[in-house]
Amino acid sequence: LKTGGLETKTTGGKSAAAMATVAMPSKLRPRSLRASTRCEAVTVGGNFKKITPVGPRVVLKTGGLEAKTTGGILLPDTAQKKSTSGDVVAVGSGKAYKLTLKEGDTVLYGKFGIGITDIEMNGEEYALLFERDCLGILPKRDASVEDVKDVKPLGDRVLIKVDRAADSSGGGVILTDSAKEKPMAGEILAVGAGRVDEKTGEVTPVKLQVGDRVSFFKYAGDSVETAAGDAYNIISETDVLCKM
């Protein structure tokens, strides 16, 4: 055998349980071929054609690095950031339940990439992650930040329209952006179906409802701000402190 088709990088250089299988053309396919581990990055070479997730994971085709800001300014390599949305191209299976996502869905996921394995295959970029790490389903494939208000949250997450920060202090002093306190309250616009117990398949419904005004943990979730200055946040129900 001539090896070297898979190049992997792990954060600590150690291998772990396989998270996906990689498919080759039928004429070249061996009895069994498994790729990779809990990797920070995986480059798949050779004649591989498909990634099949194992367990309750999904494979997303991502947009790679973001090369421009919303204002059209080109970003240098050091300032570019990974896409946080992608199209579902493959869906695994749970032991006791059926996954919510299906091929063709466009989903939003965490911008810090925790628990996500980036894969490059045939010049295309993909992300392999658990369905539970996806934040919500976007309303359309080419969605922009303006469409965040229409996201359908997944699991026990809720979509909140965040209150605007105060422009002035109690004494009437106008505050600069850096001096404005980050709001921790808002109105719920949408709720997920509930948290899934991956062992039993049982779903615990979200208790919060659309229209509830809530206060939430200051650093929870992934906040997105539109060009108009409206801020939205997708957080777990467990990060909501109280209803108001």
C-alpha atoms as a PDB file:
ATOM      1  CA  LEU A   1       0.000   0.000   0.000  1.00  0.00           C
ATOM      2  CA  LYS A   2       1.130   3.523  -0.783  1.00  0.00           C
ATOM      3  CA  THR A   3       0.056   5.654   2.132  1.00  0.00           C
ATOM      4  CA  GLY A   4      -0.074   9.378   2.792  1.00  0.00           C
ATOM      5  CA  GLY A   5      -3.559  10.066   1.433  1.00  0.00           C
ATOM      6  CA  LEU A   6      -4.758  11.517   4.719  1.00  0.00           C
ATOM      7  CA  GLU A   7      -2.918  14.301   6.437  1.00  0.00           C
ATOM      8  CA  THR A   8      -4.174  14.984   9.969  1.00  0.00           C
ATOM      9  CA  LYS A   9      -3.347  17.481  12.645  1.00  0.00           C
ATOM     10  CA  THR A  10      -4.570  17.085  16.226  1.00  0.00           C
ATOM     11  CA  THR A  11      -4.338  19.725  18.885  1.00  0.00           C
ATOM     12  CA  GLY A  12      -2.110  17.563  21.066  1.00  0.00           C
ATOM     13  CA  GLY A  13      -0.793  15.147  18.470  1.00  0.00           C
ATOM     14  CA  LYS A  14      -2.850  12.285  19.943  1.00  0.00           C
ATOM     15  CA  SER A  15      -5.411  10.132  18.153  1.00  0.00           C
ATOM     16  CA  ALA A  16      -8.975   9.504  19.356  1.00  0.00           C
ATOM     17  CA  ALA A  17     -12.118   7.714  18.225  1.00  0.00           C
ATOM     18  CA  ALA A  18     -13.057   8.027  14.562  1.00  0.00           C
ATOM     19  CA  MET A  19     -15.787  10.527  13.811  1.00  0.00           C
ATOM     20  CA  ALA A  20     -16.397   9.940  10.108  1.00  0.00           C
ATOM     21  CA  THR A  21     -15.804   7.597   7.219  1.00  0.00           C
ATOM     22  CA  VAL A  22     -14.495   8.868   3.903  1.00  0.00           C
ATOM     23  CA  ALA A  23     -15.750   7.284   0.696  1.00  0.00           C
ATOM     24  CA  MET A  24     -13.593   6.508  -2.365  1.00  0.00           C
ATOM     25  CA  PRO A  25     -14.731   5.638  -5.892  1.00  0.00           C
ATOM     26  CA  SER A  26     -16.054   2.063  -5.886  1.00  0.00           C
ATOM     27  CA  LYS A  27     -13.198   0.657  -7.979  1.00  0.00           C
ATOM     28  CA  LEU A  28     -10.660   1.909  -5.453  1.00  0.00           C
ATOM     29  CA  ARG A  29     -12.590   1.364  -2.240  1.00  0.00           C
ATOM     30  CA  PRO A  30     -11.034  -1.068   0.280  1.00  0.00           C
ATOM     31  CA  ARG A  31     -13.117  -3.058   2.760  1.00  0.00           C
ATOM     32  CA  SER A  32     -12.786  -0.437   5.419  1.00  0.00           C
ATOM     33  CA  LEU A  33     -11.305   3.036   5.549  1.00  0.00           C
ATOM     34  CA  ARG A  34     -11.823   5.406   8.438  1.00  0.00           C
ATOM     35  CA  ALA A  35     -10.608   8.946   8.722  1.00  0.00           C
ATOM     36  CA  SER A  36      -9.771  10.694  11.473  1.00  0.00           C
ATOM     37  CA  THR A  37      -9.938  11.562  14.915  1.00  0.00           C
ATOM     38  CA  ARG A  38     -10.729  14.548  17.052  1.00  0.00           C
ATOM     39  CA  CYS A  39      -8.757  16.805  14.821  1.00  0.00           C
ATOM     40  CA  GLU A  40      -8.141  20.474  14.589  1.00  0.00           C
ATOM     41  CA  ALA A  41      -7.742  20.125  10.828  1.00  0.00           C
ATOM     42  CA  VAL A  42      -7.880  17.258   8.351  1.00  0.00           C
ATOM     43  CA  THR A  43      -6.765  17.369   4.724  1.00  0.00           C
ATOM     44  CA  VAL A  44      -8.095  14.505   2.623  1.00  0.00           C
ATOM     45  CA  GLY A  45      -6.090  13.714  -0.494  1.00  0.00           C
ATOM     46  CA  GLY A  46      -6.478  11.157  -3.256  1.00  0.00           C
ATOM     47  CA  ASN A  47      -9.747  10.070  -4.887  1.00  0.00           C
ATOM     48  CA  PHE A  48     -12.123  10.439  -1.960  1.00  0.00           C
ATOM     49  CA  LYS A  49     -15.619  11.574  -2.908  1.00  0.00           C
ATOM     50  CA  LYS A  50     -17.787  11.601   0.213  1.00  0.00           C
ATOM     51  CA  ILE A  51     -17.676  12.066   3.985  1.00  0.00           C
ATOM     52  CA  THR A  52     -20.159  10.005   5.980  1.00  0.00           C
ATOM     53  CA  PRO A  53     -20.620  11.125   9.613  1.00  0.00           C
ATOM     54  CA  VAL A  54     -20.715   8.523  12.385  1.00  0.00           C
ATOM     55  CA  GLY A  55     -23.284   8.871  15.173  1.00  0.00           C
ATOM     56  CA  PRO A  56     -25.383  12.037  15.678  1.00  0.00           C
ATOM     57  CA  ARG A  57     -23.046  14.199  13.613  1.00  0.00           C
ATOM     58  CA  VAL A  58     -23.522  16.201  10.421  1.00  0.00           C
ATOM     59  CA  VAL A  59     -21.191  17.329   7.639  1.00  0.00           C
ATOM     60  CA  LEU A  60     -21.495  20.929   6.447  1.00  0.00           C
ATOM     61  CA  LYS A  61     -20.086  22.412   3.277  1.00  0.00           C
ATOM     62  CA  THR A  62     -18.734  25.753   4.423  1.00  0.00           C
ATOM     63  CA  GLY A  63     -17.688  28.954   2.738  1.00  0.00           C
ATOM     64  CA  GLY A  64     -14.074  28.874   3.899  1.00  0.00           C
ATOM     65  CA  LEU A  65     -12.504  32.120   5.078  1.00  0.00           C
ATOM     66  CA  GLU A  66     -14.375  35.402   5.048  1.00  0.00           C
ATOM     67  CA  ALA A  67     -12.295  37.660   2.815  1.00  0.00           C
ATOM     68  CA  LYS A  68     -14.382  40.851   3.035  1.00  0.00           C
ATOM     69  CA  THR A  69     -16.134  42.810   5.736  1.00  0.00           C
ATOM     70  CA  THR A  70     -19.812  43.759   5.371  1.00  0.00           C
ATOM     71  CA  GLY A  71     -18.606  47.097   4.026  1.00  0.00           C
ATOM     72  CA  GLY A  72     -16.582  45.429   1.284  1.00  0.00           C
ATOM     73  CA  ILE A  73     -13.142  45.999   2.838  1.00  0.00           C
ATOM     74  CA  LEU A  74     -10.679  43.239   1.946  1.00  0.00           C
ATOM     75  CA  LEU A  75      -9.268  41.506   5.011  1.00  0.00           C
ATOM     76  CA  PRO A  76      -5.620  40.442   5.331  1.00  0.00           C
ATOM     77  CA  ASP A  77      -5.000  36.752   5.979  1.00  0.00           C
ATOM     78  CA  THR A  78      -4.430  37.354   9.683  1.00  0.00           C
ATOM     79  CA  ALA A  79      -7.808  39.090  10.054  1.00  0.00           C
ATOM     80  CA  GLN A  80      -9.872  36.596   8.105  1.00  0.00           C
ATOM     81  CA  LYS A  81     -12.201  34.351  10.038  1.00  0.00           C
ATOM     82  CA  LYS A  82     -13.875  31.029   9.387  1.00  0.00           C
ATOM     83  CA  SER A  83     -17.428  30.863   8.133  1.00  0.00           C
ATOM     84  CA  THR A  84     -20.017  30.178  10.838  1.00  0.00           C
ATOM     85  CA  SER A  85     -22.681  28.796   8.527  1.00  0.00           C
ATOM     86  CA  GLY A  86     -22.827  25.910   6.080  1.00  0.00           C
ATOM     87  CA  ASP A  87     -25.047  23.654   4.002  1.00  0.00           C
ATOM     88  CA  VAL A  88     -25.770  20.172   5.352  1.00  0.00           C
ATOM     89  CA  VAL A  89     -24.403  17.601   2.881  1.00  0.00           C
ATOM     90  CA  ALA A  90     -24.508  14.462   5.057  1.00  0.00           C
ATOM     91  CA  VAL A  91     -26.391  13.406   8.186  1.00  0.00           C
ATOM     92  CA  GLY A  92     -25.517  10.654  10.665  1.00  0.00           C
ATOM     93  CA  SER A  93     -27.941   8.876  12.961  1.00  0.00           C
ATOM     94  CA  GLY A  94     -28.703   8.755  16.655  1.00  0.00           C
ATOM     95  CA  LYS A  95     -29.034   5.479  18.566  1.00  0.00           C
ATOM     96  CA  ALA A  96     -32.548   6.196  19.791  1.00  0.00           C
ATOM     97  CA  TYR A  97     -33.758   9.138  17.720  1.00  0.00           C
ATOM     98  CA  LYS A  98     -33.775  10.689  14.276  1.00  0.00           C
ATOM     99  CA  LEU A  99     -31.734  13.825  13.727  1.00  0.00           C
ATOM    100  CA  THR A 100     -33.622  17.067  13.085  1.00  0.00           C
ATOM    101  CA  LEU A 101     -31.345  18.318  10.315  1.00  0.00           C
ATOM    102  CA  LYS A 102     -31.578  17.025   6.771  1.00  0.00           C
ATOM    103  CA  GLU A 103     -29.438  17.409   3.662  1.00  0.00           C
ATOM    104  CA  GLY A 104     -29.938  20.819   2.089  1.00  0.00           C
ATOM    105  CA  ASP A 105     -30.528  22.702   5.345  1.00  0.00           C
ATOM    106  CA  THR A 106     -28.344  25.763   5.912  1.00  0.00           C
ATOM    107  CA  VAL A 107     -27.299  26.054   9.530  1.00  0.00           C
ATOM    108  CA  LEU A 108     -25.558  28.458  11.848  1.00  0.00           C
ATOM    109  CA  TYR A 109     -22.930  27.194  14.282  1.00  0.00           C
ATOM    110  CA  GLY A 110     -20.664  28.636  16.974  1.00  0.00           C
ATOM    111  CA  LYS A 111     -18.049  31.121  15.802  1.00  0.00           C
ATOM    112  CA  PHE A 112     -15.339  29.802  18.121  1.00  0.00           C
ATOM    113  CA  GLY A 113     -15.248  26.374  16.484  1.00  0.00           C
ATOM    114  CA  ILE A 114     -15.307  24.354  19.705  1.00  0.00           C
ATOM    115  CA  GLY A 115     -15.969  20.700  18.924  1.00  0.00           C
ATOM    116  CA  ILE A 116     -15.758  21.258  15.155  1.00  0.00           C
ATOM    117  CA  THR A 117     -13.375  19.416  12.836  1.00  0.00           C
ATOM    118  CA  ASP A 118     -12.474  21.272   9.647  1.00  0.00           C
ATOM    119  CA  ILE A 119     -11.947  19.042   6.614  1.00  0.00           C
ATOM    120  CA  GLU A 120     -10.536  19.957   3.209  1.00  0.00           C
ATOM    121  CA  MET A 121     -11.335  17.575   0.353  1.00  0.00           C
ATOM    122  CA  ASN A 122     -10.869  18.120  -3.382  1.00  0.00           C
ATOM    123  CA  GLY A 123     -10.392  21.854  -2.857  1.00  0.00           C
ATOM    124  CA  GLU A 124     -13.659  22.216  -0.912  1.00  0.00           C
ATOM    125  CA  GLU A 125     -13.997  22.991   2.794  1.00  0.00           C
ATOM    126  CA  TYR A 126     -16.281  21.094   5.162  1.00  0.00           C
ATOM    127  CA  ALA A 127     -17.044  21.036   8.884  1.00  0.00           C
ATOM    128  CA  LEU A 128     -17.826  17.900  10.889  1.00  0.00           C
ATOM    129  CA  LEU A 129     -19.723  18.439  14.141  1.00  0.00           C
ATOM    130  CA  PHE A 130     -22.457  17.095  16.396  1.00  0.00           C
ATOM    131  CA  GLU A 131     -25.978  18.213  15.533  1.00  0.00           C
ATOM    132  CA  ARG A 132     -26.312  19.466  19.112  1.00  0.00           C
ATOM    133  CA  ASP A 133     -23.549  22.014  18.375  1.00  0.00           C
ATOM    134  CA  CYS A 134     -25.560  23.632  15.570  1.00  0.00           C
ATOM    135  CA  LEU A 135     -27.346  26.778  16.748  1.00  0.00           C
ATOM    136  CA  GLY A 136     -30.196  27.020  14.282  1.00  0.00           C
ATOM    137  CA  ILE A 137     -31.497  26.656  10.726  1.00  0.00           C
ATOM    138  CA  LEU A 138     -31.221  29.703   8.472  1.00  0.00           C
ATOM    139  CA  PRO A 139     -34.241  30.649   6.312  1.00  0.00           C
ATOM    140  CA  LYS A 140     -32.353  30.344   3.020  1.00  0.00           C
ATOM    141  CA  ARG A 141     -29.057  29.200   1.572  1.00  0.00           C
ATOM    142  CA  ASP A 142     -27.580  32.637   0.809  1.00  0.00           C
ATOM    143  CA  ALA A 143     -28.740  34.185   4.084  1.00  0.00           C
ATOM    144  CA  SER A 144     -27.081  37.322   5.451  1.00  0.00           C
ATOM    145  CA  VAL A 145     -26.969  38.879   8.909  1.00  0.00           C
ATOM    146  CA  GLU A 146     -30.270  40.583   8.083  1.00  0.00           C
ATOM    147  CA  ASP A 147     -31.939  37.137   8.049  1.00  0.00           C
ATOM    148  CA  VAL A 148     -30.850  36.219  11.585  1.00  0.00           C
ATOM    149  CA  LYS A 149     -34.236  37.307  12.924  1.00  0.00           C
ATOM    150  CA  ASP A 150     -35.775  34.386  10.992  1.00  0.00           C
ATOM    151  CA  VAL A 151     -33.456  31.661  12.315  1.00  0.00           C
ATOM    152  CA  LYS A 152     -35.167  28.522  13.623  1.00  0.00           C
ATOM    153  CA  PRO A 153     -33.323  27.579  16.850  1.00  0.00           C
ATOM    154  CA  LEU A 154     -32.266  23.965  17.380  1.00  0.00           C
ATOM    155  CA  GLY A 155     -32.476  21.911  20.567  1.00  0.00           C
ATOM    156  CA  ASP A 156     -33.146  23.898  23.737  1.00  0.00           C
ATOM    157  CA  ARG A 157     -31.992  27.188  22.243  1.00  0.00           C
ATOM    158  CA  VAL A 158     -33.998  30.388  21.941  1.00  0.00           C
ATOM    159  CA  LEU A 159     -33.619  33.357  19.583  1.00  0.00           C
ATOM    160  CA  ILE A 160     -33.639  36.693  21.418  1.00  0.00           C
ATOM    161  CA  LYS A 161     -33.889  40.224  20.063  1.00  0.00           C
ATOM    162  CA  VAL A 162     -31.543  41.992  22.441  1.00  0.00           C
ATOM    163  CA  ASP A 163     -32.452  45.359  23.955  1.00  0.00           C
ATOM    164  CA  ARG A 164     -30.393  48.272  22.662  1.00  0.00           C
ATOM    165  CA  ALA A 165     -27.671  49.662  24.884  1.00  0.00           C
ATOM    166  CA  ALA A 166     -28.362  52.982  26.568  1.00  0.00           C
ATOM    167  CA  ASP A 167     -26.910  55.980  24.696  1.00  0.00           C
ATOM    168  CA  SER A 168     -26.545  58.111  27.814  1.00  0.00           C
ATOM    169  CA  SER A 169     -25.797  57.646  31.493  1.00  0.00           C
ATOM    170  CA  GLY A 170     -28.253  58.320  34.313  1.00  0.00           C
ATOM    171  CA  GLY A 171     -26.856  61.859  34.521  1.00  0.00           C
ATOM    172  CA  GLY A 172     -27.413  62.524  30.820  1.00  0.00           C
ATOM    173  CA  VAL A 173     -23.792  62.095  29.700  1.00  0.00           C
ATOM    174  CA  ILE A 174     -23.597  60.692  26.156  1.00  0.00           C
ATOM    175  CA  LEU A 175     -21.720  57.382  26.183  1.00  0.00           C
ATOM    176  CA  THR A 176     -19.186  56.234  23.598  1.00  0.00           C
ATOM    177  CA  ASP A 177     -19.610  52.729  22.139  1.00  0.00           C
ATOM    178  CA  SER A 178     -16.818  51.371  24.353  1.00  0.00           C
ATOM    179  CA  ALA A 179     -18.488  52.746  27.480  1.00  0.00           C
ATOM    180  CA  LYS A 180     -21.940  51.319  26.776  1.00  0.00           C
ATOM    181  CA  GLU A 181     -22.842  48.392  28.989  1.00  0.00           C
ATOM    182  CA  LYS A 182     -23.672  45.180  27.137  1.00  0.00           C
ATOM    183  CA  PRO A 183     -27.445  44.534  27.377  1.00  0.00           C
ATOM    184  CA  MET A 184     -28.501  41.325  29.121  1.00  0.00           C
ATOM    185  CA  ALA A 185     -32.205  41.408  28.334  1.00  0.00           C
ATOM    186  CA  GLY A 186     -34.499  41.038  25.363  1.00  0.00           C
ATOM    187  CA  GLU A 187     -37.580  39.467  23.818  1.00  0.00           C
ATOM    188  CA  ILE A 188     -37.789  35.862  22.635  1.00  0.00           C
ATOM    189  CA  LEU A 189     -38.638  35.603  18.929  1.00  0.00           C
ATOM    190  CA  ALA A 190     -38.409  31.823  18.463  1.00  0.00           C
ATOM    191  CA  VAL A 191     -37.758  28.661  20.498  1.00  0.00           C
ATOM    192  CA  GLY A 192     -36.324  25.251  19.636  1.00  0.00           C
ATOM    193  CA  ALA A 193     -38.114  21.914  20.004  1.00  0.00           C
ATOM    194  CA  GLY A 194     -36.229  21.046  23.195  1.00  0.00           C
ATOM    195  CA  ARG A 195     -33.171  19.205  24.472  1.00  0.00           C
ATOM    196  CA  VAL A 196     -32.776  15.629  23.224  1.00  0.00           C
ATOM    197  CA  ASP A 197     -31.542  12.869  25.523  1.00  0.00           C
ATOM    198  CA  GLU A 198     -29.179  11.091  23.121  1.00  0.00           C
ATOM    199  CA  LYS A 199     -29.427   7.821  25.080  1.00  0.00           C
ATOM    200  CA  THR A 200     -33.225   7.525  25.173  1.00  0.00           C
ATOM    201  CA  GLY A 201     -34.367   9.884  22.430  1.00  0.00           C
ATOM    202  CA  GLU A 202     -36.685  11.684  24.860  1.00  0.00           C
ATOM    203  CA  VAL A 203     -37.171  15.407  24.263  1.00  0.00           C
ATOM    204  CA  THR A 204     -37.487  17.911  27.108  1.00  0.00           C
ATOM    205  CA  PRO A 205     -39.540  20.802  25.664  1.00  0.00           C
ATOM    206  CA  VAL A 206     -38.417  24.388  26.071  1.00  0.00           C
ATOM    207  CA  LYS A 207     -40.464  26.091  28.814  1.00  0.00           C
ATOM    208  CA  LEU A 208     -39.930  29.617  27.515  1.00  0.00           C
ATOM    209  CA  GLN A 209     -42.348  30.989  24.931  1.00  0.00           C
ATOM    210  CA  VAL A 210     -42.286  33.438  22.051  1.00  0.00           C
ATOM    211  CA  GLY A 211     -42.936  36.923  23.414  1.00  0.00           C
ATOM    212  CA  ASP A 212     -41.364  36.314  26.828  1.00  0.00           C
ATOM    213  CA  ARG A 213     -39.061  39.077  28.030  1.00  0.00           C
ATOM    214  CA  VAL A 214     -36.005  37.582  29.684  1.00  0.00           C
ATOM    215  CA  SER A 215     -32.686  38.410  31.289  1.00  0.00           C
ATOM    216  CA  PHE A 216     -29.752  36.194  30.340  1.00  0.00           C
ATOM    217  CA  PHE A 217     -26.155  35.440  31.270  1.00  0.00           C
ATOM    218  CA  LYS A 218     -23.959  38.309  30.059  1.00  0.00           C
ATOM    219  CA  TYR A 219     -21.547  36.288  27.910  1.00  0.00           C
ATOM    220  CA  ALA A 220     -23.970  33.597  26.732  1.00  0.00           C
ATOM    221  CA  GLY A 221     -24.542  32.636  23.114  1.00  0.00           C
ATOM    222  CA  ASP A 222     -23.427  34.132  19.833  1.00  0.00           C
ATOM    223  CA  SER A 223     -24.611  37.684  19.273  1.00  0.00           C
ATOM    224  CA  VAL A 224     -25.171  39.035  15.748  1.00  0.00           C
ATOM    225  CA  GLU A 225     -25.769  42.708  14.928  1.00  0.00           C
ATOM    226  CA  THR A 226     -27.454  43.903  11.730  1.00  0.00           C
ATOM    227  CA  ALA A 227     -26.525  46.995   9.725  1.00  0.00           C
ATOM    228  CA  ALA A 228     -29.467  48.806  11.342  1.00  0.00           C
ATOM    229  CA  GLY A 229     -28.001  48.191  14.801  1.00  0.00           C
ATOM    230  CA  ASP A 230     -30.477  45.506  15.900  1.00  0.00           C
ATOM    231  CA  ALA A 231     -28.800  42.741  17.913  1.00  0.00           C
ATOM    232  CA  TYR A 232     -29.921  39.116  18.123  1.00  0.00           C
ATOM    233  CA  ASN A 233     -28.622  36.285  20.267  1.00  0.00           C
ATOM    234  CA  ILE A 234     -29.123  32.510  20.134  1.00  0.00           C
ATOM    235  CA  ILE A 235     -28.630  30.959  23.555  1.00  0.00           C
ATOM    236  CA  SER A 236     -29.457  27.819  25.476  1.00  0.00           C
ATOM    237  CA  GLU A 237     -32.528  27.993  27.711  1.00  0.00           C
ATOM    238  CA  THR A 238     -30.224  27.161  30.637  1.00  0.00           C
ATOM    239  CA  ASP A 239     -28.446  30.522  30.128  1.00  0.00           C
ATOM    240  CA  VAL A 240     -31.664  32.467  30.711  1.00  0.00           C
ATOM    241  CA  LEU A 241     -31.620  33.880  34.246  1.00  0.00           C
ATOM    242  CA  CYS A 242     -35.262  34.911  34.626  1.00  0.00           C
ATOM    243  CA  LYS A 243     -38.418  36.125  32.932  1.00  0.00           C
ATOM    244  CA  MET A 244     -39.390  39.758  33.445  1.00  0.00           C
END
